[in-house]
C-alpha atoms as a PDB file:
ATOM      1  CA  MET A   1       0.000   0.000   0.000  1.00  0.00           C
ATOM      2  CA  ASN A   2       2.860   2.360   0.857  1.00  0.00           C
ATOM      3  CA  GLY A   3       4.499   1.795  -2.535  1.00  0.00           C
ATOM      4  CA  PHE A   4       1.233   2.534  -4.281  1.00  0.00           C
ATOM      5  CA  LEU A   5       0.855   5.836  -2.417  1.00  0.00           C
ATOM      6  CA  LYS A   6       4.448   6.838  -3.175  1.00  0.00           C
ATOM      7  CA  ALA A   7       3.967   6.056  -6.881  1.00  0.00           C
ATOM      8  CA  THR A   8       0.610   7.819  -7.015  1.00  0.00           C
ATOM      9  CA  LEU A   9       1.471  10.905  -4.979  1.00  0.00           C
ATOM     10  CA  SER A  10       4.853  11.718  -6.502  1.00  0.00           C
ATOM     11  CA  ARG A  11       6.250  15.215  -6.901  1.00  0.00           C
ATOM     12  CA  GLU A  12       6.314  14.953 -10.711  1.00  0.00           C
ATOM     13  CA  LYS A  13       2.622  14.018 -10.868  1.00  0.00           C
ATOM     14  CA  PHE A  14       1.621  16.864  -8.553  1.00  0.00           C
ATOM     15  CA  GLN A  15       3.731  19.291 -10.572  1.00  0.00           C
ATOM     16  CA  GLY A  16       2.179  18.075 -13.854  1.00  0.00           C
ATOM     17  CA  LEU A  17      -1.311  18.342 -12.385  1.00  0.00           C
ATOM     18  CA  PHE A  18      -0.612  21.844 -11.088  1.00  0.00           C
ATOM     19  CA  VAL A  19       0.805  23.066 -14.399  1.00  0.00           C
ATOM     20  CA  ASN A  20      -2.023  21.470 -16.391  1.00  0.00           C
ATOM     21  CA  THR A  21      -4.706  22.907 -14.130  1.00  0.00           C
ATOM     22  CA  ALA A  22      -3.119  26.343 -13.812  1.00  0.00           C
ATOM     23  CA  LEU A  23      -2.590  26.770 -17.554  1.00  0.00           C
ATOM     24  CA  GLY A  24      -6.068  25.447 -18.346  1.00  0.00           C
ATOM     25  CA  ASN A  25      -7.738  27.750 -15.845  1.00  0.00           C
ATOM     26  CA  PHE A  26      -5.685  30.741 -16.973  1.00  0.00           C
ATOM     27  CA  ALA A  27      -6.471  30.113 -20.643  1.00  0.00           C
ATOM     28  CA  GLY A  28     -10.165  29.732 -19.787  1.00  0.00           C
ATOM     29  CA  TYR A  29     -10.121  32.979 -17.794  1.00  0.00           C
ATOM     30  CA  VAL A  30      -8.426  34.861 -20.634  1.00  0.00           C
ATOM     31  CA  ALA A  31     -10.899  33.489 -23.194  1.00  0.00           C
ATOM     32  CA  GLY A  32     -13.868  34.447 -21.006  1.00  0.00           C
ATOM     33  CA  SER A  33     -12.434  37.925 -20.469  1.00  0.00           C
ATOM     34  CA  LEU A  34     -11.948  38.360 -24.203  1.00  0.00           C
ATOM     35  CA  VAL A  35     -15.613  37.498 -24.761  1.00  0.00           C
ATOM     36  CA  THR A  36     -16.536  40.246 -22.308  1.00  0.00           C
ATOM     37  CA  LEU A  37     -14.218  42.717 -24.042  1.00  0.00           C
ATOM     38  CA  VAL A  38     -15.599  41.867 -27.469  1.00  0.00           C
ATOM     39  CA  SER A  39     -19.221  42.196 -26.372  1.00  0.00           C
ATOM     40  CA  THR A  40     -18.812  45.669 -24.818  1.00  0.00           C
ATOM     41  CA  ARG A  41     -17.831  49.048 -26.197  1.00  0.00           C
ATOM     42  CA  ARG A  42     -16.857  52.328 -24.601  1.00  0.00           C
ATOM     43  CA  VAL A  43     -18.528  55.595 -25.573  1.00  0.00           C
ATOM     44  CA  VAL A  44     -18.335  59.154 -24.341  1.00  0.00           C
ATOM     45  CA  GLU A  45     -21.448  60.680 -22.808  1.00  0.00           C
ATOM     46  CA  GLY A  46     -23.190  63.192 -25.041  1.00  0.00           C
ATOM     47  CA  ARG A  47     -24.138  66.699 -24.043  1.00  0.00           C
ATOM     48  CA  GLY A  48     -27.074  66.916 -21.716  1.00  0.00           C
ATOM     49  CA  LEU A  49     -28.349  68.112 -18.422  1.00  0.00           C
ATOM     50  CA  SER A  50     -26.161  65.680 -16.470  1.00  0.00           C
ATOM     51  CA  ASN A  51     -22.963  67.428 -17.611  1.00  0.00           C
ATOM     52  CA  LEU A  52     -24.486  70.906 -17.892  1.00  0.00           C
ATOM     53  CA  PHE A  53     -24.492  70.765 -21.692  1.00  0.00           C
ATOM     54  CA  GLY A  54     -20.734  70.290 -22.025  1.00  0.00           C
ATOM     55  CA  VAL A  55     -19.528  72.619 -19.252  1.00  0.00           C
ATOM     56  CA  LEU A  56     -18.595  69.647 -17.021  1.00  0.00           C
ATOM     57  CA  PRO A  57     -16.312  66.915 -18.400  1.00  0.00           C
ATOM     58  CA  ARG A  58     -18.012  64.093 -20.246  1.00  0.00           C
ATOM     59  CA  LYS A  59     -18.122  60.662 -18.629  1.00  0.00           C
ATOM     60  CA  LYS A  60     -16.939  57.510 -20.367  1.00  0.00           C
ATOM     61  CA  LEU A  61     -19.659  54.883 -20.490  1.00  0.00           C
ATOM     62  CA  VAL A  62     -19.492  51.139 -21.122  1.00  0.00           C
ATOM     63  CA  VAL A  63     -22.275  49.892 -23.371  1.00  0.00           C
ATOM     64  CA  HIS A  64     -23.067  46.172 -23.388  1.00  0.00           C
ATOM     65  CA  VAL A  65     -23.947  44.835 -26.832  1.00  0.00           C
ATOM     66  CA  LEU A  66     -25.534  41.701 -25.338  1.00  0.00           C
ATOM     67  CA  PRO A  67     -27.701  41.384 -22.254  1.00  0.00           C
ATOM     68  CA  HIS A  68     -25.576  40.953 -19.141  1.00  0.00           C
ATOM     69  CA  TRP A  69     -26.761  37.390 -18.443  1.00  0.00           C
ATOM     70  CA  LEU A  70     -26.065  36.294 -22.028  1.00  0.00           C
ATOM     71  CA  GLU A  71     -22.616  37.886 -21.962  1.00  0.00           C
ATOM     72  CA  TRP A  72     -21.821  36.090 -18.711  1.00  0.00           C
ATOM     73  CA  LEU A  73     -23.102  32.741 -20.018  1.00  0.00           C
ATOM     74  CA  LEU A  74     -21.168  33.079 -23.277  1.00  0.00           C
ATOM     75  CA  ALA A  75     -17.966  33.946 -21.387  1.00  0.00           C
ATOM     76  CA  LEU A  76     -18.491  30.928 -19.115  1.00  0.00           C
ATOM     77  CA  ILE A  77     -19.055  28.504 -21.997  1.00  0.00           C
ATOM     78  CA  VAL A  78     -16.134  29.784 -24.092  1.00  0.00           C
ATOM     79  CA  GLY A  79     -13.835  29.777 -21.044  1.00  0.00           C
ATOM     80  CA  PHE A  80     -14.827  26.200 -20.195  1.00  0.00           C
ATOM     81  CA  LEU A  81     -14.268  25.007 -23.774  1.00  0.00           C
ATOM     82  CA  VAL A  82     -10.823  26.615 -23.916  1.00  0.00           C
ATOM     83  CA  MET A  83      -9.907  25.153 -20.523  1.00  0.00           C
ATOM     84  CA  GLU A  84     -10.950  21.671 -21.665  1.00  0.00           C
ATOM     85  CA  ALA A  85      -9.058  22.096 -24.960  1.00  0.00           C
ATOM     86  CA  VAL A  86      -5.871  22.919 -23.038  1.00  0.00           C
ATOM     87  CA  ARG A  87      -6.421  19.933 -20.758  1.00  0.00           C
ATOM     88  CA  TYR A  88      -7.004  17.656 -23.783  1.00  0.00           C
ATOM     89  CA  TRP A  89      -3.865  18.990 -25.477  1.00  0.00           C
ATOM     90  CA  PHE A  90      -1.734  18.268 -22.392  1.00  0.00           C
ATOM     91  CA  ASN A  91      -3.141  14.757 -21.977  1.00  0.00           C
ATOM     92  CA  HIS A  92      -2.827  14.020 -25.705  1.00  0.00           C
ATOM     93  CA  ARG A  93       0.858  15.010 -25.659  1.00  0.00           C
ATOM     94  CA  LYS A  94       1.472  12.956 -22.529  1.00  0.00           C
ATOM     95  CA  TYR A  95      -0.207   9.803 -23.874  1.00  0.00           C
ATOM     96  CA  THR A  96       1.386  10.158 -27.314  1.00  0.00           C
ATOM     97  CA  ALA A  97       4.830  10.352 -25.728  1.00  0.00           C
ATOM     98  CA  LEU A  98       3.999   7.391 -23.481  1.00  0.00           C
ATOM     99  CA  LEU A  99       2.744   5.245 -26.354  1.00  0.00           C
ATOM    100  CA  SER A 100       5.712   6.046 -28.583  1.00  0.00           C
ATOM    101  CA  THR A 101       8.152   4.794 -25.920  1.00  0.00           C
ATOM    102  CA  VAL A 102       6.124   1.678 -25.074  1.00  0.00           C
ATOM    103  CA  GLN A 103       5.520   0.470 -28.654  1.00  0.00           C
ATOM    104  CA  PRO A 104       7.159  -2.949 -29.029  1.00  0.00           C
ATOM    105  CA  GLU A 105       9.322  -3.722 -32.035  1.00  0.00           C
ATOM    106  CA  ARG A 106       7.812  -6.289 -34.389  1.00  0.00           C
ATOM    107  CA  VAL A 107       9.527  -9.668 -34.613  1.00  0.00           C
ATOM    108  CA  THR A 108       9.231 -12.148 -37.499  1.00  0.00           C
ATOM    109  CA  GLU A 109       8.827 -15.931 -37.189  1.00  0.00           C
ATOM    110  CA  ARG A 110      12.579 -16.315 -37.584  1.00  0.00           C
ATOM    111  CA  GLY A 111      13.104 -14.279 -34.416  1.00  0.00           C
ATOM    112  CA  SER A 112      14.692 -11.251 -36.065  1.00  0.00           C
ATOM    113  CA  GLN A 113      13.383  -7.730 -36.301  1.00  0.00           C
ATOM    114  CA  VAL A 114      11.194  -6.756 -39.220  1.00  0.00           C
ATOM    115  CA  SER A 115      13.190  -5.170 -42.006  1.00  0.00           C
ATOM    116  CA  ASP A 116      12.085  -3.267 -45.071  1.00  0.00           C
ATOM    117  CA  HIS A 117      12.642  -6.408 -47.158  1.00  0.00           C
ATOM    118  CA  ASP A 118      10.321  -8.462 -44.946  1.00  0.00           C
ATOM    119  CA  ASN A 119       7.660  -5.760 -45.018  1.00  0.00           C
ATOM    120  CA  LEU A 120       7.700  -5.525 -48.831  1.00  0.00           C
ATOM    121  CA  ALA A 121       4.621  -7.729 -49.279  1.00  0.00           C
ATOM    122  CA  ALA A 122       2.493  -5.273 -47.348  1.00  0.00           C
ATOM    123  CA  ARG A 123       3.553  -2.456 -49.659  1.00  0.00           C
ATOM    124  CA  LEU A 124       3.269  -4.313 -52.993  1.00  0.00           C
ATOM    125  CA  PRO A 125      -0.231  -5.588 -53.703  1.00  0.00           C
ATOM    126  CA  GLY A 126      -0.417  -8.730 -55.804  1.00  0.00           C
ATOM    127  CA  VAL A 127       3.063  -9.977 -54.882  1.00  0.00           C
ATOM    128  CA  PRO A 128       3.019 -13.200 -52.844  1.00  0.00           C
ATOM    129  CA  GLU A 129       4.569 -12.883 -49.400  1.00  0.00           C
ATOM    130  CA  GLU A 130       6.806 -15.926 -49.914  1.00  0.00           C
ATOM    131  CA  SER A 131       8.561 -14.218 -52.806  1.00  0.00           C
ATOM    132  CA  CYS A 132       9.280 -11.132 -50.706  1.00  0.00           C
ATOM    133  CA  ILE A 133      10.942 -13.115 -47.920  1.00  0.00           C
ATOM    134  CA  ASP A 134      13.366 -14.897 -50.278  1.00  0.00           C
ATOM    135  CA  GLU A 135      16.719 -13.055 -50.253  1.00  0.00           C
ATOM    136  CA  ASN A 136      17.502 -14.106 -53.851  1.00  0.00           C
ATOM    137  CA  TYR A 137      14.200 -12.849 -55.258  1.00  0.00           C
ATOM    138  CA  LYS A 138      14.462 -10.195 -57.953  1.00  0.00           C
ATOM    139  CA  PRO A 139      11.201  -8.702 -59.207  1.00  0.00           C
ATOM    140  CA  GLU A 140      10.499  -8.965 -62.920  1.00  0.00           C
ATOM    141  CA  ARG A 141      10.542  -5.745 -64.888  1.00  0.00           C
ATOM    142  CA  ARG A 142       7.355  -5.057 -66.782  1.00  0.00           C
ATOM    143  CA  SER A 143       7.398  -2.812 -69.797  1.00  0.00           C
END
């Protein structure tokens, strides 16, 4: 049980989890904030009674293009999708690297590794496999 806990709760795994989570959350936050920035615009207050018809300085106003609840929901959904995309990208890279190191080398019936000569039958349709394994085989030239 102790070995399992040490293997499961290692420093490298905690560090990978922290980096994955932090980058995913940060990317989601940035994407949600960008949605808010895109759906709002800043305007200067026009002349009116509130600024004594231009005597007082004009105020800068933020105008929401979308209703506030829709803007919030859109930012939440886009942020979540970006966060999940970052998480998927990290896991995909991790599992691709893991699978590329674990892939066993193919071995033929003779006990040797597969060479290009042995794998020729898979690349040439219509050529019998026995003729590709023979070392003295020379393909006929067709004109």
